Amino acid sequence: MKIDLGQSVYANGSSGAGPGLRIEGGRLINDRPDSRMGIEKMAQARKVMKHEMKVQTYAEGYVRGERMEEMNKMMSSMMGGCGCGKPNCGCDE
């Protein structure tokens, strides 16, 4: 009995890895397109955008607090107090 190997992956030069996959240097490389649907991609993009907005809000709040602290120190030093911002602390004595 003779076996027909005409359609075999060994006979036609194909790597047998499947569509979108190739073998390079003994490793399987995935060249298939992204399988996620458009609505799933949009949901992920929205989630990333909301996270970035939250991080930006926290960063702005931190910077604003630093500025307020500097302004308080400057105002208290202009009014005759010391640079620490506490009234009547006696730092400069």
N, C-alpha and C. Protein backbone atom coordinates (compact mmCIF):
# COMPACT_ATOMS: atom_id res chain seq x y z
N MET A 1 0.85 -1.17 0.00
CA MET A 1 0.00 0.00 0.00
C MET A 1 0.89 1.23 0.00
N LYS A 2 0.64 2.11 -0.94
CA LYS A 2 1.44 3.30 -1.10
C LYS A 2 0.69 4.48 -0.47
N ILE A 3 1.39 5.34 0.27
CA ILE A 3 0.78 6.49 0.94
C ILE A 3 0.99 7.72 0.07
N ASP A 4 -0.08 8.49 -0.12
CA ASP A 4 0.00 9.72 -0.92
C ASP A 4 0.41 10.87 -0.01
N LEU A 5 1.61 11.39 -0.23
CA LEU A 5 2.11 12.50 0.58
C LEU A 5 2.07 13.82 -0.19
N GLY A 6 1.26 13.90 -1.24
CA GLY A 6 1.18 15.11 -2.07
C GLY A 6 0.67 16.32 -1.31
N GLN A 7 -0.25 16.13 -0.40
CA GLN A 7 -0.81 17.25 0.36
C GLN A 7 -0.21 17.37 1.77
N SER A 8 0.83 16.62 2.04
CA SER A 8 1.44 16.62 3.35
C SER A 8 2.24 17.90 3.57
N VAL A 9 2.32 18.35 4.79
CA VAL A 9 3.11 19.53 5.11
C VAL A 9 4.58 19.27 4.91
N TYR A 10 4.98 18.01 4.94
CA TYR A 10 6.38 17.65 4.75
C TYR A 10 6.77 17.67 3.28
N ALA A 11 5.81 17.43 2.38
CA ALA A 11 6.11 17.31 0.97
C ALA A 11 6.03 18.64 0.23
N ASN A 12 5.17 19.58 0.64
CA ASN A 12 4.97 20.79 -0.15
C ASN A 12 5.81 21.98 0.31
N GLY A 13 6.72 21.81 1.22
CA GLY A 13 7.62 22.89 1.64
C GLY A 13 7.01 23.83 2.67
N SER A 14 5.78 23.65 3.04
CA SER A 14 5.15 24.49 4.07
C SER A 14 5.70 24.10 5.43
N SER A 15 5.72 25.03 6.33
CA SER A 15 6.25 24.74 7.66
C SER A 15 5.24 24.00 8.52
N GLY A 16 3.97 24.04 8.16
CA GLY A 16 2.95 23.36 8.95
C GLY A 16 2.52 24.14 10.17
N ALA A 17 2.91 25.40 10.24
CA ALA A 17 2.60 26.20 11.42
C ALA A 17 1.18 26.72 11.40
N GLY A 18 0.58 26.87 10.23
CA GLY A 18 -0.79 27.36 10.13
C GLY A 18 -0.82 28.73 9.52
N PRO A 19 -2.01 29.22 9.19
CA PRO A 19 -2.11 30.54 8.55
C PRO A 19 -1.72 31.66 9.51
N GLY A 20 -0.86 32.55 9.03
CA GLY A 20 -0.43 33.68 9.85
C GLY A 20 0.72 33.37 10.77
N LEU A 21 1.18 32.14 10.77
CA LEU A 21 2.30 31.74 11.60
C LEU A 21 3.45 31.30 10.71
N ARG A 22 4.66 31.58 11.15
CA ARG A 22 5.82 31.13 10.39
C ARG A 22 6.89 30.70 11.37
N ILE A 23 7.79 29.89 10.88
CA ILE A 23 8.89 29.43 11.71
C ILE A 23 10.14 30.13 11.24
N GLU A 24 10.83 30.77 12.16
CA GLU A 24 12.06 31.50 11.83
C GLU A 24 13.10 31.17 12.88
N GLY A 25 14.14 30.54 12.46
CA GLY A 25 15.21 30.18 13.40
C GLY A 25 14.75 29.20 14.46
N GLY A 26 13.83 28.34 14.13
CA GLY A 26 13.33 27.36 15.09
C GLY A 26 12.28 27.89 16.04
N ARG A 27 11.87 29.16 15.87
CA ARG A 27 10.85 29.74 16.75
C ARG A 27 9.60 30.04 15.93
N LEU A 28 8.46 29.90 16.55
CA LEU A 28 7.18 30.17 15.90
C LEU A 28 6.87 31.65 16.03
N ILE A 29 6.71 32.35 14.89
CA ILE A 29 6.45 33.79 14.85
C ILE A 29 4.99 34.01 14.47
N ASN A 30 4.28 34.81 15.26
CA ASN A 30 2.86 35.08 15.03
C ASN A 30 2.71 36.34 14.18
N ASP A 31 2.28 36.19 12.94
CA ASP A 31 2.02 37.31 12.05
C ASP A 31 0.53 37.51 11.81
N ARG A 32 -0.30 36.86 12.62
CA ARG A 32 -1.74 36.97 12.42
C ARG A 32 -2.23 38.35 12.83
N PRO A 33 -3.30 38.85 12.20
CA PRO A 33 -3.85 40.15 12.61
C PRO A 33 -4.52 40.05 13.97
N ASP A 34 -4.70 41.20 14.60
CA ASP A 34 -5.34 41.27 15.91
C ASP A 34 -6.78 40.75 15.79
N SER A 35 -7.15 39.86 16.69
CA SER A 35 -8.47 39.23 16.60
C SER A 35 -9.56 39.99 17.36
N ARG A 36 -9.20 41.10 18.03
CA ARG A 36 -10.22 41.84 18.78
C ARG A 36 -11.12 42.62 17.83
N MET A 37 -12.39 42.76 18.21
CA MET A 37 -13.34 43.51 17.40
C MET A 37 -13.17 45.01 17.68
N GLY A 38 -13.75 45.82 16.82
CA GLY A 38 -13.63 47.27 16.93
C GLY A 38 -14.19 47.81 18.23
N ILE A 39 -15.32 47.27 18.67
CA ILE A 39 -15.95 47.79 19.90
C ILE A 39 -15.08 47.45 21.11
N GLU A 40 -14.41 46.31 21.05
CA GLU A 40 -13.52 45.93 22.15
C GLU A 40 -12.30 46.84 22.19
N LYS A 41 -11.78 47.18 21.01
CA LYS A 41 -10.65 48.10 20.93
C LYS A 41 -11.04 49.47 21.46
N MET A 42 -12.25 49.94 21.11
CA MET A 42 -12.72 51.24 21.59
C MET A 42 -12.90 51.25 23.10
N ALA A 43 -13.42 50.17 23.65
CA ALA A 43 -13.60 50.08 25.10
C ALA A 43 -12.25 50.14 25.81
N GLN A 44 -11.26 49.44 25.26
CA GLN A 44 -9.92 49.46 25.86
C GLN A 44 -9.31 50.86 25.76
N ALA A 45 -9.49 51.52 24.61
CA ALA A 45 -8.95 52.87 24.44
C ALA A 45 -9.61 53.84 25.42
N ARG A 46 -10.91 53.69 25.64
CA ARG A 46 -11.63 54.56 26.59
C ARG A 46 -11.13 54.33 28.01
N LYS A 47 -10.88 53.07 28.35
CA LYS A 47 -10.38 52.74 29.67
C LYS A 47 -9.00 53.37 29.91
N VAL A 48 -8.13 53.29 28.90
CA VAL A 48 -6.80 53.88 29.01
C VAL A 48 -6.91 55.39 29.14
N MET A 49 -7.82 56.00 28.36
CA MET A 49 -8.00 57.45 28.39
C MET A 49 -8.48 57.91 29.77
N LYS A 50 -9.42 57.19 30.36
CA LYS A 50 -9.92 57.56 31.69
C LYS A 50 -8.82 57.45 32.74
N HIS A 51 -7.99 56.43 32.62
CA HIS A 51 -6.88 56.25 33.56
C HIS A 51 -5.88 57.40 33.42
N GLU A 52 -5.57 57.78 32.20
CA GLU A 52 -4.64 58.89 31.97
C GLU A 52 -5.20 60.20 32.51
N MET A 53 -6.51 60.41 32.36
CA MET A 53 -7.13 61.62 32.90
C MET A 53 -7.04 61.64 34.43
N LYS A 54 -7.22 60.50 35.06
CA LYS A 54 -7.15 60.42 36.52
C LYS A 54 -5.73 60.72 36.99
N VAL A 55 -4.74 60.15 36.32
CA VAL A 55 -3.34 60.40 36.68
C VAL A 55 -3.02 61.89 36.50
N GLN A 56 -3.50 62.48 35.41
CA GLN A 56 -3.25 63.90 35.15
C GLN A 56 -3.88 64.77 36.24
N THR A 57 -5.08 64.40 36.69
CA THR A 57 -5.76 65.16 37.74
C THR A 57 -4.97 65.12 39.04
N TYR A 58 -4.46 63.93 39.40
CA TYR A 58 -3.66 63.82 40.62
C TYR A 58 -2.37 64.63 40.50
N ALA A 59 -1.74 64.59 39.33
CA ALA A 59 -0.50 65.35 39.13
C ALA A 59 -0.76 66.85 39.25
N GLU A 60 -1.84 67.33 38.67
CA GLU A 60 -2.17 68.75 38.76
C GLU A 60 -2.46 69.16 40.20
N GLY A 61 -3.14 68.30 40.94
CA GLY A 61 -3.42 68.58 42.34
C GLY A 61 -2.16 68.67 43.17
N TYR A 62 -1.22 67.79 42.89
CA TYR A 62 0.06 67.81 43.61
C TYR A 62 0.82 69.09 43.33
N VAL A 63 0.89 69.47 42.05
CA VAL A 63 1.60 70.69 41.67
C VAL A 63 0.92 71.91 42.28
N ARG A 64 -0.40 71.93 42.28
CA ARG A 64 -1.13 73.06 42.87
C ARG A 64 -0.84 73.16 44.36
N GLY A 65 -0.78 72.05 45.06
CA GLY A 65 -0.46 72.06 46.49
C GLY A 65 0.94 72.57 46.75
N GLU A 66 1.90 72.18 45.89
CA GLU A 66 3.26 72.67 46.04
C GLU A 66 3.32 74.19 45.84
N ARG A 67 2.60 74.68 44.84
CA ARG A 67 2.57 76.12 44.59
C ARG A 67 1.96 76.88 45.76
N MET A 68 0.87 76.34 46.32
CA MET A 68 0.21 77.01 47.45
C MET A 68 1.15 77.06 48.65
N GLU A 69 1.91 76.00 48.87
CA GLU A 69 2.85 75.98 49.98
C GLU A 69 3.93 77.04 49.79
N GLU A 70 4.44 77.16 48.55
CA GLU A 70 5.44 78.18 48.28
C GLU A 70 4.86 79.58 48.46
N MET A 71 3.63 79.78 48.01
CA MET A 71 2.99 81.09 48.15
C MET A 71 2.79 81.44 49.62
N ASN A 72 2.38 80.47 50.42
CA ASN A 72 2.19 80.72 51.85
C ASN A 72 3.50 81.11 52.53
N LYS A 73 4.59 80.42 52.16
CA LYS A 73 5.89 80.77 52.73
C LYS A 73 6.30 82.18 52.33
N MET A 74 6.08 82.51 51.07
CA MET A 74 6.46 83.83 50.57
C MET A 74 5.62 84.92 51.25
N MET A 75 4.32 84.69 51.38
CA MET A 75 3.45 85.69 52.00
C MET A 75 3.79 85.88 53.47
N SER A 76 4.08 84.80 54.17
CA SER A 76 4.38 84.94 55.59
C SER A 76 5.72 85.63 55.79
N SER A 77 6.68 85.39 54.88
CA SER A 77 7.97 86.08 55.01
C SER A 77 7.82 87.56 54.69
N MET A 78 6.91 87.92 53.80
CA MET A 78 6.68 89.33 53.48
C MET A 78 5.98 90.05 54.62
N MET A 79 5.19 89.33 55.42
CA MET A 79 4.46 89.95 56.53
C MET A 79 5.28 89.97 57.80
N GLY A 80 6.53 89.56 57.72
CA GLY A 80 7.39 89.64 58.90
C GLY A 80 7.58 88.32 59.59
N GLY A 81 6.93 87.31 59.18
CA GLY A 81 7.13 86.00 59.80
C GLY A 81 8.34 85.30 59.22
N CYS A 82 8.61 84.14 59.70
CA CYS A 82 9.75 83.39 59.17
C CYS A 82 9.32 82.63 57.90
N GLY A 83 10.22 81.88 57.32
CA GLY A 83 9.93 81.20 56.07
C GLY A 83 9.24 79.86 56.22
N CYS A 84 8.99 79.40 57.44
CA CYS A 84 8.39 78.08 57.60
C CYS A 84 6.89 78.09 57.39
N GLY A 85 6.26 79.27 57.46
CA GLY A 85 4.84 79.37 57.21
C GLY A 85 3.98 79.32 58.45
N LYS A 86 4.58 79.02 59.58
CA LYS A 86 3.81 78.96 60.82
C LYS A 86 3.83 80.33 61.49
N PRO A 87 2.69 80.83 61.95
CA PRO A 87 2.69 82.14 62.60
C PRO A 87 3.31 82.08 64.00
N ASN A 88 4.12 83.07 64.32
CA ASN A 88 4.71 83.22 65.66
C ASN A 88 5.46 81.97 66.12
N CYS A 89 6.25 81.39 65.22
CA CYS A 89 6.95 80.16 65.60
C CYS A 89 8.28 80.43 66.26
N GLY A 90 8.88 81.60 65.99
CA GLY A 90 10.15 81.95 66.62
C GLY A 90 11.35 81.30 65.95
N CYS A 91 11.26 80.97 64.69
CA CYS A 91 12.37 80.34 63.98
C CYS A 91 13.55 81.29 63.80
N ASP A 92 13.29 82.56 63.58
CA ASP A 92 14.35 83.51 63.31
C ASP A 92 14.94 84.13 64.56
N GLU A 93 14.62 83.64 65.72
CA GLU A 93 15.17 84.17 66.98
C GLU A 93 16.43 83.47 67.35
